[in-house]
Structures are given as structure tokens and as C-alpha cells.
Amino acid sequence: MPKLPLETIEQTNRTGYPPPFDADVAGRWYRRLAPAGGLTAFGVSHVVLKPGAWSSQRHWHAGEDEFLVMLSGEAVLVDDEGEHALRPGDCAAFPMNDGNGHHLQNRSDGDCSFVVVSAGASKGGDYPDIDMRFTAEGGYVHKDGRPYAATRIP
């Protein structure tokens, strides 16, 4: 059956971020929908941010597009152009290789939720606000190339 009952798909708040970068996403809960639906050509995640949580560290992808649809609550999209309120029905697109670091922050008193779709062959990316990059091989490195003792969770 094509319908995916959310409650049957594992919800987790795992992160591969090394400390101290993991603290900001502790209130991020997500479900990987693509594997549950047998999809292999693109990723789909259902994400819930608790009050105060971030979706990720501010980042951009080389070789991977992202598209987001806000479902409930309110979040603030922070990118190179500033801050933008996102409410239910709002959409955001992040083209691969654009270098525009982005993430969502839940600054409200209630949960917010969104679906994010990604496609492409990840070639890594950058976190412009912190001393970290991610590699196509699934690791994290300092800007000078030294590895972190952490593994990225796809």
C-alpha cells in the first residue's frame, strides 16, 4: 500500500554531529520516509522541531538539491540573506552548489513540522558558521581538513 502511516516509521533524534555542534539539534525528531516507502532515487524526511531546536547547523550541499514544505507551527529559516518566517504551506528550495548556508530554528513555544525532499549525488558541503565541513564519504572535517571523530548520519 502506498500510504505510509507515520506512527509505524521509527522517529529518532540521532545526529552524527560532534560536540558541541550536536546540542542545537537535540530537539529535532525525524522519520526517514523514502526507505519506508521503497524510494531510492531521492530522500524524504518528516521532521519535528521542538521549541528551541534547530533543523541542523547552517549548511549547504554540493551535488544535492533540497526542497522543504512547512506542515505545522512556525519556524525561522536562516540563510545568507537573513531570516524568513515559515508557516504551514510555505515552501523553500535550496539548489545544489549555491553556497547559501541555511537551516531552520524553532523559536516558538510549540512544535513545528515539515517535510524535506533531497535528490542528487552528495559531494559534501560546508557549515559556514562553524569550523566544519561534511564529505561525500560521510565524515566531518575541520576547514583545514583534519577529521572529526564523528560519522555523518545520512
Protein backbone atom coordinates (compact mmCIF):
# COMPACT_ATOMS: atom_id res chain seq x y z
CA MET A 1 0.00 0.00 0.00
CA PRO A 2 1.43 3.43 -0.94
CA LYS A 3 0.10 5.12 2.23
CA LEU A 4 2.79 5.41 4.90
CA PRO A 5 1.32 5.59 8.42
CA LEU A 6 3.78 7.89 10.21
CA GLU A 7 3.34 6.17 13.56
CA THR A 8 4.77 2.94 12.13
CA ILE A 9 8.03 4.59 10.97
CA GLU A 10 10.82 4.98 13.51
CA GLN A 11 11.18 8.51 14.83
CA THR A 12 14.64 9.41 16.08
CA ASN A 13 16.72 12.37 17.12
CA ARG A 14 20.09 10.76 16.28
CA THR A 15 22.82 13.01 14.99
CA GLY A 16 26.36 12.42 13.87
CA TYR A 17 27.42 15.97 14.74
CA PRO A 18 30.40 16.07 17.08
CA PRO A 19 30.09 18.06 20.32
CA PRO A 20 29.36 20.89 20.79
CA PHE A 21 27.51 21.10 17.46
CA ASP A 22 25.08 18.31 18.43
CA ALA A 23 23.38 20.31 21.22
CA ASP A 24 21.40 22.62 18.89
CA VAL A 25 19.67 19.67 17.18
CA ALA A 26 18.82 17.67 20.32
CA GLY A 27 15.15 18.66 19.92
CA ARG A 28 14.99 17.64 16.25
CA TRP A 29 12.97 14.45 15.67
CA TYR A 30 12.77 12.92 12.22
CA ARG A 31 11.44 9.97 10.25
CA ARG A 32 13.11 8.77 7.04
CA LEU A 33 10.13 8.25 4.71
CA ALA A 34 11.93 7.31 1.49
CA PRO A 35 13.29 3.95 2.73
CA ALA A 36 9.94 3.13 4.35
CA GLY A 37 8.24 3.69 1.00
CA GLY A 38 10.84 1.82 -1.04
CA LEU A 39 12.07 5.01 -2.71
CA THR A 40 15.70 5.01 -3.83
CA ALA A 41 16.14 7.96 -6.22
CA PHE A 42 15.60 10.70 -3.63
CA GLY A 43 15.34 11.22 0.11
CA VAL A 44 12.27 12.30 2.05
CA SER A 45 12.12 13.09 5.75
CA HIS A 46 9.33 14.18 8.07
CA VAL A 47 10.86 16.46 10.72
CA VAL A 48 9.50 17.82 14.00
CA LEU A 49 11.37 20.58 15.81
CA LYS A 50 10.66 21.05 19.50
CA PRO A 51 10.76 24.63 20.84
CA GLY A 52 14.33 25.93 20.69
CA ALA A 53 15.58 23.20 18.33
CA TRP A 54 17.42 23.69 15.06
CA SER A 55 16.98 21.50 11.98
CA SER A 56 20.77 21.33 11.53
CA GLN A 57 23.81 23.53 11.70
CA ARG A 58 23.57 26.12 8.93
CA HIS A 59 24.85 24.33 5.81
CA TRP A 60 24.76 23.96 2.04
CA HIS A 61 25.19 20.91 -0.22
CA ALA A 62 27.47 20.25 -3.18
CA GLY A 63 25.67 17.96 -5.62
CA GLU A 64 22.33 17.73 -3.79
CA ASP A 65 19.09 19.72 -4.13
CA GLU A 66 16.73 20.19 -1.17
CA PHE A 67 13.07 21.20 -1.11
CA LEU A 68 11.07 21.87 2.06
CA VAL A 69 7.33 22.17 2.75
CA MET A 70 6.21 23.52 6.13
CA LEU A 71 3.34 21.48 7.60
CA SER A 72 2.56 22.91 11.03
CA GLY A 73 3.72 25.51 13.50
CA GLU A 74 6.26 28.18 12.65
CA ALA A 75 10.00 28.18 12.07
CA VAL A 76 12.58 30.75 11.09
CA LEU A 77 14.65 29.99 8.01
CA VAL A 78 18.11 31.46 8.50
CA ASP A 79 20.23 31.80 5.36
CA ASP A 80 22.81 34.11 3.84
CA GLU A 81 20.08 36.64 3.02
CA GLY A 82 18.70 36.89 6.57
CA GLU A 83 15.78 35.45 8.49
CA HIS A 84 12.44 34.40 6.99
CA ALA A 85 9.33 33.16 8.83
CA LEU A 86 7.95 29.87 7.52
CA ARG A 87 4.35 28.89 8.25
CA PRO A 88 2.15 25.98 7.11
CA GLY A 89 2.08 25.78 3.32
CA ASP A 90 5.28 27.78 2.85
CA CYS A 91 7.99 26.19 0.72
CA ALA A 92 11.74 26.70 0.42
CA ALA A 93 14.15 25.49 -2.26
CA PHE A 94 17.89 25.02 -1.84
CA PRO A 95 19.65 24.36 -5.16
CA MET A 96 22.81 22.27 -5.11
CA ASN A 97 26.12 24.09 -5.16
CA ASP A 98 24.60 27.52 -4.45
CA GLY A 99 26.71 28.13 -1.33
CA ASN A 100 23.74 29.63 0.57
CA GLY A 101 24.02 28.18 4.07
CA HIS A 102 20.59 27.50 5.57
CA HIS A 103 18.75 25.90 8.46
CA LEU A 104 15.51 26.23 10.39
CA GLN A 105 15.14 27.32 14.00
CA ASN A 106 12.01 26.81 16.07
CA ARG A 107 11.78 29.98 18.14
CA SER A 108 8.13 29.43 19.07
CA ASP A 109 6.55 27.86 22.15
CA GLY A 110 5.14 24.88 20.22
CA ASP A 111 6.34 22.14 17.91
CA CYS A 112 6.69 22.75 14.19
CA SER A 113 6.87 20.15 11.43
CA PHE A 114 7.95 19.98 7.81
CA VAL A 115 8.80 17.56 5.03
CA VAL A 116 12.12 17.87 3.24
CA VAL A 117 12.97 16.17 -0.06
CA SER A 118 16.53 15.80 -1.35
CA ALA A 119 17.98 14.48 -4.59
CA GLY A 120 21.36 14.20 -6.19
CA ALA A 121 24.72 12.64 -5.51
CA SER A 122 26.09 14.35 -2.41
CA LYS A 123 29.59 15.65 -2.90
CA GLY A 124 29.81 17.05 0.61
CA GLY A 125 29.16 20.56 1.77
CA ASP A 126 30.01 23.27 4.21
CA TYR A 127 28.85 24.76 7.52
CA PRO A 128 29.69 28.46 7.06
CA ASP A 129 29.23 29.45 10.73
CA ILE A 130 31.44 26.79 12.33
CA ASP A 131 34.76 25.03 11.74
CA MET A 132 33.25 22.03 9.99
CA ARG A 133 32.59 20.56 6.55
CA PHE A 134 30.97 17.28 5.57
CA THR A 135 32.44 14.94 3.00
CA ALA A 136 30.90 12.79 0.28
CA GLU A 137 32.30 9.77 2.14
CA GLY A 138 30.14 10.51 5.20
CA GLY A 139 32.58 12.18 7.55
CA TYR A 140 33.11 15.55 9.14
CA VAL A 141 36.33 17.52 8.82
CA HIS A 142 37.66 20.82 10.11
CA LYS A 143 38.06 23.55 7.49
CA ASP A 144 41.78 22.68 7.37
CA GLY A 145 40.95 19.03 6.53
CA ARG A 146 41.60 17.41 9.93
CA PRO A 147 38.88 14.81 10.62
CA TYR A 148 36.41 14.93 13.48
CA ALA A 149 35.87 11.72 15.42
CA ALA A 150 32.25 11.52 14.24
CA THR A 151 30.36 9.88 11.39
CA ARG A 152 27.60 11.64 9.49
CA ILE A 153 24.16 10.04 9.68
CA PRO A 154 22.56 10.13 6.23
